[in-house]
Amino acid sequence: MSILNVADIRKPLSTLAHSKLEKLEVFSSIASTNTYLMTQPAPPAGRFRIAIADHQTSGRGRHQRRWISAPGSGLYLSMSYTFARMPVQLPALTLAIGVAVIESLQLAGVEGVSLKWPNDIVALDGKLGGILTEVQSRPGDGVTVVVGLGLNIHLRDAIDFGEDSDWAHRAVDLIGIMDILPEREYLAAAIVEHLYASMAKFEAQGFVSGDWQQHDWLLDREVTVDMPNKQISGIAAGVDDDGALLIDTKSGRQRVISGSIVMAGGKEPRG
């Protein structure tokens, strides 16, 4: 598979996104697009940098878990963006980015995609992709975040995303859920456009939980969440305004700020 064409990615971008784009780089293979941007200079406030690759040799998920697939089987894209001030709801940024990914996929003709708290892209009850958000150290009042997306395009071979998705029994790719794949450059451009718009919206408004709820794959499912010192089981009840997962348990509703879904069963009917 040929390397992505930078000019063809830039061309569909809006004038606003063009004006805020500090630098866009593409690689045929790289250790990790997130790791690369974490080592690069932070963009000025309100601006962003992009790194895109066809293949990652040391891709990472949450908690430093691996995300490794064959060359040419996916799209790996990271954005670094600098907020002028530390957002109050920064932990919810990953959820807001998930909504942006859904919107970009819909623009490219991809339907039937959902979000699983906190960072998975789901289709056909399998893992289509994942999001990784990291904070880049910088002086001053602002904060630079690096957000990475790994998206399965055509999995000719098995994918290894480690133990990051115990809930998912299989990986899913775009070619398995649509008849004709979009051009990779157009898909990358749609993602860049929506990621930037999501960053700007998050900076202005914070996290809008209602945007997430309409794509919530876990909603009304029986779930078990693995936390540092315990497990919680119950029925997923959406997310709070700060991005926390809400679970209705036998002892009442509980909030989960950090944890991993180790089981996601069938949906419970709403009463």
Protein backbone atom coordinates (compact mmCIF):
# COMPACT_ATOMS: atom_id res chain seq x y z
CA MET A 1 0.00 0.00 0.00
CA SER A 2 1.41 3.40 -1.02
CA ILE A 3 2.11 6.12 1.50
CA LEU A 4 -0.68 8.61 2.09
CA ASN A 5 -0.54 11.76 -0.04
CA VAL A 6 -0.21 14.91 2.09
CA ALA A 7 -1.70 17.20 -0.58
CA ASP A 8 -4.79 14.99 -0.91
CA ILE A 9 -5.32 15.12 2.86
CA ARG A 10 -4.95 18.89 2.99
CA LYS A 11 -7.23 19.59 0.03
CA PRO A 12 -10.63 18.72 1.66
CA LEU A 13 -9.84 20.60 4.88
CA SER A 14 -11.85 23.72 5.66
CA THR A 15 -10.22 27.15 5.52
CA LEU A 16 -10.36 27.34 9.31
CA ALA A 17 -8.67 23.97 9.82
CA HIS A 18 -6.03 24.93 7.25
CA SER A 19 -5.32 28.15 9.12
CA LYS A 20 -4.83 26.31 12.43
CA LEU A 21 -2.72 23.45 11.07
CA GLU A 22 0.86 23.87 12.23
CA LYS A 23 2.30 20.79 10.52
CA LEU A 24 1.08 17.57 8.89
CA GLU A 25 3.39 14.58 8.44
CA VAL A 26 2.76 11.11 7.03
CA PHE A 27 4.83 7.96 7.52
CA SER A 28 4.71 4.54 5.88
CA SER A 29 5.81 3.06 9.22
CA ILE A 30 6.54 4.53 12.64
CA ALA A 31 6.91 3.24 16.18
CA SER A 32 3.87 5.24 17.38
CA THR A 33 2.29 8.44 16.07
CA ASN A 34 1.46 9.45 19.65
CA THR A 35 4.99 8.82 20.88
CA TYR A 36 6.36 10.82 17.95
CA LEU A 37 4.19 13.89 18.62
CA MET A 38 4.94 13.71 22.35
CA THR A 39 8.60 14.33 21.46
CA GLN A 40 7.90 17.20 19.03
CA PRO A 41 7.54 20.92 19.87
CA ALA A 42 4.08 21.79 21.14
CA PRO A 43 1.98 23.86 18.72
CA PRO A 44 1.00 27.38 19.79
CA ALA A 45 -2.31 27.79 21.63
CA GLY A 46 -5.29 27.07 19.39
CA ARG A 47 -3.20 25.33 16.74
CA PHE A 48 -2.47 21.66 16.02
CA ARG A 49 0.00 19.20 14.50
CA ILE A 50 -0.85 15.91 12.79
CA ALA A 51 1.10 12.66 12.36
CA ILE A 52 -0.39 9.84 10.26
CA ALA A 53 0.96 6.37 9.51
CA ASP A 54 -0.05 3.22 7.65
CA HIS A 55 1.75 1.04 10.17
CA GLN A 56 2.91 1.25 13.77
CA THR A 57 5.57 -1.07 15.15
CA SER A 58 5.00 -0.10 18.80
CA GLY A 59 1.42 1.09 18.93
CA ARG A 60 -0.03 1.68 22.38
CA GLY A 61 -3.43 1.60 24.00
CA ARG A 62 -4.49 2.57 27.52
CA HIS A 63 -2.16 1.70 30.40
CA GLN A 64 0.72 1.20 27.90
CA ARG A 65 -0.92 -1.89 26.44
CA ARG A 66 0.14 -2.81 22.92
CA TRP A 67 -1.77 -2.22 19.68
CA ILE A 68 -0.05 -4.09 16.85
CA SER A 69 -1.40 -5.03 13.43
CA ALA A 70 0.02 -5.90 10.02
CA PRO A 71 1.34 -3.17 7.67
CA GLY A 72 -1.38 -1.60 5.54
CA SER A 73 -4.23 -2.93 7.67
CA GLY A 74 -5.14 0.27 9.50
CA LEU A 75 -4.94 4.02 9.79
CA TYR A 76 -3.03 5.53 12.69
CA LEU A 77 -3.47 9.25 13.27
CA SER A 78 -2.44 11.52 16.12
CA MET A 79 -3.11 15.19 16.79
CA SER A 80 -1.34 17.49 19.22
CA TYR A 81 -3.36 20.52 20.27
CA THR A 82 -2.60 23.26 22.75
CA PHE A 83 -5.32 24.66 24.99
CA ALA A 84 -4.66 28.23 26.15
CA ARG A 85 -5.81 27.21 29.66
CA MET A 86 -6.20 23.88 31.42
CA PRO A 87 -9.74 22.63 30.66
CA VAL A 88 -11.75 21.85 33.78
CA GLN A 89 -13.10 18.62 32.26
CA LEU A 90 -9.85 17.42 30.69
CA PRO A 91 -10.43 13.74 31.74
CA ALA A 92 -13.56 13.75 29.54
CA LEU A 93 -11.64 14.82 26.42
CA THR A 94 -11.26 11.22 25.20
CA LEU A 95 -15.05 10.87 25.16
CA ALA A 96 -15.47 14.10 23.20
CA ILE A 97 -12.88 12.87 20.71
CA GLY A 98 -14.83 9.64 20.33
CA VAL A 99 -17.87 11.64 19.20
CA ALA A 100 -15.68 13.46 16.67
CA VAL A 101 -14.46 10.12 15.28
CA ILE A 102 -18.05 8.91 14.86
CA GLU A 103 -18.96 12.12 13.01
CA SER A 104 -15.95 11.84 10.72
CA LEU A 105 -16.76 8.21 9.91
CA GLN A 106 -20.36 9.14 9.13
CA LEU A 107 -19.11 11.84 6.75
CA ALA A 108 -17.06 9.15 5.00
CA GLY A 109 -20.16 6.92 4.66
CA VAL A 110 -19.49 4.61 7.61
CA GLU A 111 -22.64 3.76 9.59
CA GLY A 112 -23.44 1.48 12.51
CA VAL A 113 -20.52 2.60 14.70
CA SER A 114 -20.77 3.16 18.46
CA LEU A 115 -18.58 4.23 21.38
CA LYS A 116 -17.64 2.13 24.39
CA TRP A 117 -16.51 3.98 27.49
CA PRO A 118 -13.95 5.31 27.69
CA ASN A 119 -11.96 4.96 24.48
CA ASP A 120 -13.15 2.21 22.12
CA ILE A 121 -14.76 2.47 18.67
CA VAL A 122 -17.24 -0.37 18.23
CA ALA A 123 -18.97 -1.99 15.25
CA LEU A 124 -20.83 -5.31 15.11
CA ASP A 125 -20.03 -5.69 18.83
CA GLY A 126 -16.32 -5.85 18.05
CA LYS A 127 -13.43 -3.43 18.30
CA LEU A 128 -13.06 -1.21 15.22
CA GLY A 129 -10.59 1.18 16.79
CA GLY A 130 -9.33 2.89 19.89
CA ILE A 131 -8.34 6.32 21.20
CA LEU A 132 -5.37 7.25 23.37
CA THR A 133 -5.11 10.67 25.03
CA GLU A 134 -1.89 11.91 26.65
CA VAL A 135 -0.76 15.21 28.15
CA GLN A 136 2.48 16.75 26.90
CA SER A 137 4.47 18.71 29.45
CA ARG A 138 4.97 22.38 28.62
CA PRO A 139 5.66 25.62 30.51
CA GLY A 140 2.98 28.25 31.13
CA ASP A 141 -0.72 28.16 31.87
CA GLY A 142 -1.79 26.17 28.82
CA VAL A 143 -1.73 22.44 28.24
CA THR A 144 -0.89 20.41 25.15
CA VAL A 145 -2.65 17.12 24.59
CA VAL A 146 -1.79 14.39 22.11
CA VAL A 147 -4.77 12.35 20.94
CA GLY A 148 -4.22 9.22 18.88
CA LEU A 149 -6.65 7.10 16.88
CA GLY A 150 -6.02 3.57 15.65
CA LEU A 151 -8.63 2.44 13.10
CA ASN A 152 -8.87 -1.01 11.51
CA ILE A 153 -9.27 -0.71 7.73
CA HIS A 154 -8.61 -4.18 6.28
CA LEU A 155 -7.36 -6.85 8.66
CA ARG A 156 -5.87 -9.52 6.44
CA ASP A 157 -4.14 -10.94 9.49
CA ALA A 158 -5.09 -11.10 13.14
CA ILE A 159 -4.64 -7.95 15.18
CA ASP A 160 -3.04 -7.95 18.61
CA PHE A 161 -4.35 -5.22 20.90
CA GLY A 162 -3.18 -6.98 24.02
CA GLU A 163 -5.45 -7.14 27.03
CA ASP A 164 -6.98 -3.73 26.41
CA SER A 165 -10.26 -5.21 25.16
CA ASP A 166 -11.26 -8.21 27.24
CA TRP A 167 -14.88 -7.28 26.44
CA ALA A 168 -14.31 -7.72 22.68
CA HIS A 169 -14.12 -11.26 21.33
CA ARG A 170 -12.92 -10.09 17.94
CA ALA A 171 -11.58 -7.18 15.96
CA VAL A 172 -13.68 -5.58 13.23
CA ASP A 173 -12.48 -3.64 10.18
CA LEU A 174 -14.10 -1.10 7.86
CA ILE A 175 -14.12 -3.48 4.91
CA GLY A 176 -16.30 -5.81 6.99
CA ILE A 177 -19.01 -3.22 7.59
CA MET A 178 -19.23 -1.34 4.28
CA ASP A 179 -19.34 -2.24 0.60
CA ILE A 180 -16.82 0.28 -0.70
CA LEU A 181 -13.97 1.67 1.37
CA PRO A 182 -13.51 5.45 1.32
CA GLU A 183 -10.28 6.86 -0.04
CA ARG A 184 -7.77 6.83 2.79
CA GLU A 185 -6.80 10.46 2.23
CA TYR A 186 -10.45 11.54 2.36
CA LEU A 187 -10.99 9.51 5.51
CA ALA A 188 -7.88 10.99 7.12
CA ALA A 189 -8.99 14.51 6.17
CA ALA A 190 -12.45 13.95 7.66
CA ILE A 191 -10.89 12.75 10.90
CA VAL A 192 -8.49 15.70 11.07
CA GLU A 193 -11.31 18.17 10.42
CA HIS A 194 -13.57 16.72 13.12
CA LEU A 195 -10.78 16.27 15.66
CA TYR A 196 -9.84 19.93 15.35
CA ALA A 197 -13.49 21.02 15.60
CA SER A 198 -13.89 18.83 18.68
CA MET A 199 -10.83 20.40 20.35
CA ALA A 200 -12.15 23.91 19.67
CA LYS A 201 -15.62 22.98 20.95
CA PHE A 202 -14.17 21.35 24.06
CA GLU A 203 -12.11 24.45 24.78
CA ALA A 204 -15.18 26.67 24.45
CA GLN A 205 -17.89 24.48 26.04
CA GLY A 206 -16.28 21.55 27.80
CA PHE A 207 -17.72 18.06 27.52
CA VAL A 208 -21.30 17.76 26.23
CA SER A 209 -22.53 14.43 27.63
CA GLY A 210 -25.60 14.43 25.39
CA ASP A 211 -23.37 14.14 22.31
CA TRP A 212 -21.91 10.95 23.75
CA GLN A 213 -25.17 9.36 24.90
CA GLN A 214 -26.56 8.87 21.40
CA HIS A 215 -23.57 6.66 20.49
CA ASP A 216 -23.22 4.83 23.83
CA TRP A 217 -22.71 1.11 23.14
CA LEU A 218 -22.69 0.20 26.83
CA LEU A 219 -26.01 1.86 27.68
CA ASP A 220 -28.36 -0.63 29.42
CA ARG A 221 -25.82 -3.46 29.17
CA GLU A 222 -24.79 -5.68 32.06
CA VAL A 223 -21.19 -4.71 32.77
CA THR A 224 -18.35 -5.55 35.09
CA VAL A 225 -15.68 -2.92 35.60
CA ASP A 226 -12.23 -3.75 36.92
CA MET A 227 -10.93 -0.99 39.21
CA PRO A 228 -7.62 -0.79 41.14
CA ASN A 229 -9.05 -2.24 44.36
CA LYS A 230 -12.37 -3.79 43.40
CA GLN A 231 -14.84 -4.76 40.70
CA ILE A 232 -18.25 -3.22 40.13
CA SER A 233 -21.09 -5.02 38.36
CA GLY A 234 -24.42 -3.60 37.27
CA ILE A 235 -26.26 -1.96 34.40
CA ALA A 236 -24.52 0.82 32.46
CA ALA A 237 -26.55 4.02 32.74
CA GLY A 238 -24.65 6.44 30.52
CA VAL A 239 -22.01 8.99 31.47
CA ASP A 240 -21.97 11.98 33.80
CA ASP A 241 -21.18 15.55 32.77
CA ASP A 242 -17.53 15.02 33.69
CA GLY A 243 -17.26 11.83 31.62
CA ALA A 244 -17.57 9.35 34.51
CA LEU A 245 -19.32 6.06 33.70
CA LEU A 246 -22.59 5.60 35.57
CA ILE A 247 -23.53 2.10 36.74
CA ASP A 248 -26.74 1.09 38.45
CA THR A 249 -25.86 -1.58 41.01
CA LYS A 250 -27.93 -3.37 43.62
CA SER A 251 -26.73 -0.85 46.17
CA GLY A 252 -27.48 2.20 44.00
CA ARG A 253 -25.91 4.25 41.23
CA GLN A 254 -22.11 4.46 41.23
CA ARG A 255 -19.65 6.60 39.30
CA VAL A 256 -16.56 5.11 37.69
CA ILE A 257 -13.85 7.63 36.90
CA SER A 258 -11.16 5.12 35.89
CA GLY A 259 -11.39 1.42 35.15
CA SER A 260 -11.50 -1.26 32.46
CA ILE A 261 -14.59 -3.07 31.18
CA VAL A 262 -13.88 -6.77 31.63
CA MET A 263 -17.37 -7.96 30.73
CA ALA A 264 -20.19 -6.44 28.70
CA GLY A 265 -23.25 -8.63 28.31
CA GLY A 266 -26.65 -8.22 26.75
CA LYS A 267 -28.89 -5.20 27.13
CA GLU A 268 -31.48 -4.94 29.84
CA PRO A 269 -34.93 -3.70 28.79
CA ARG A 270 -35.80 -0.26 30.11
CA GLY A 271 -38.67 -0.21 32.55
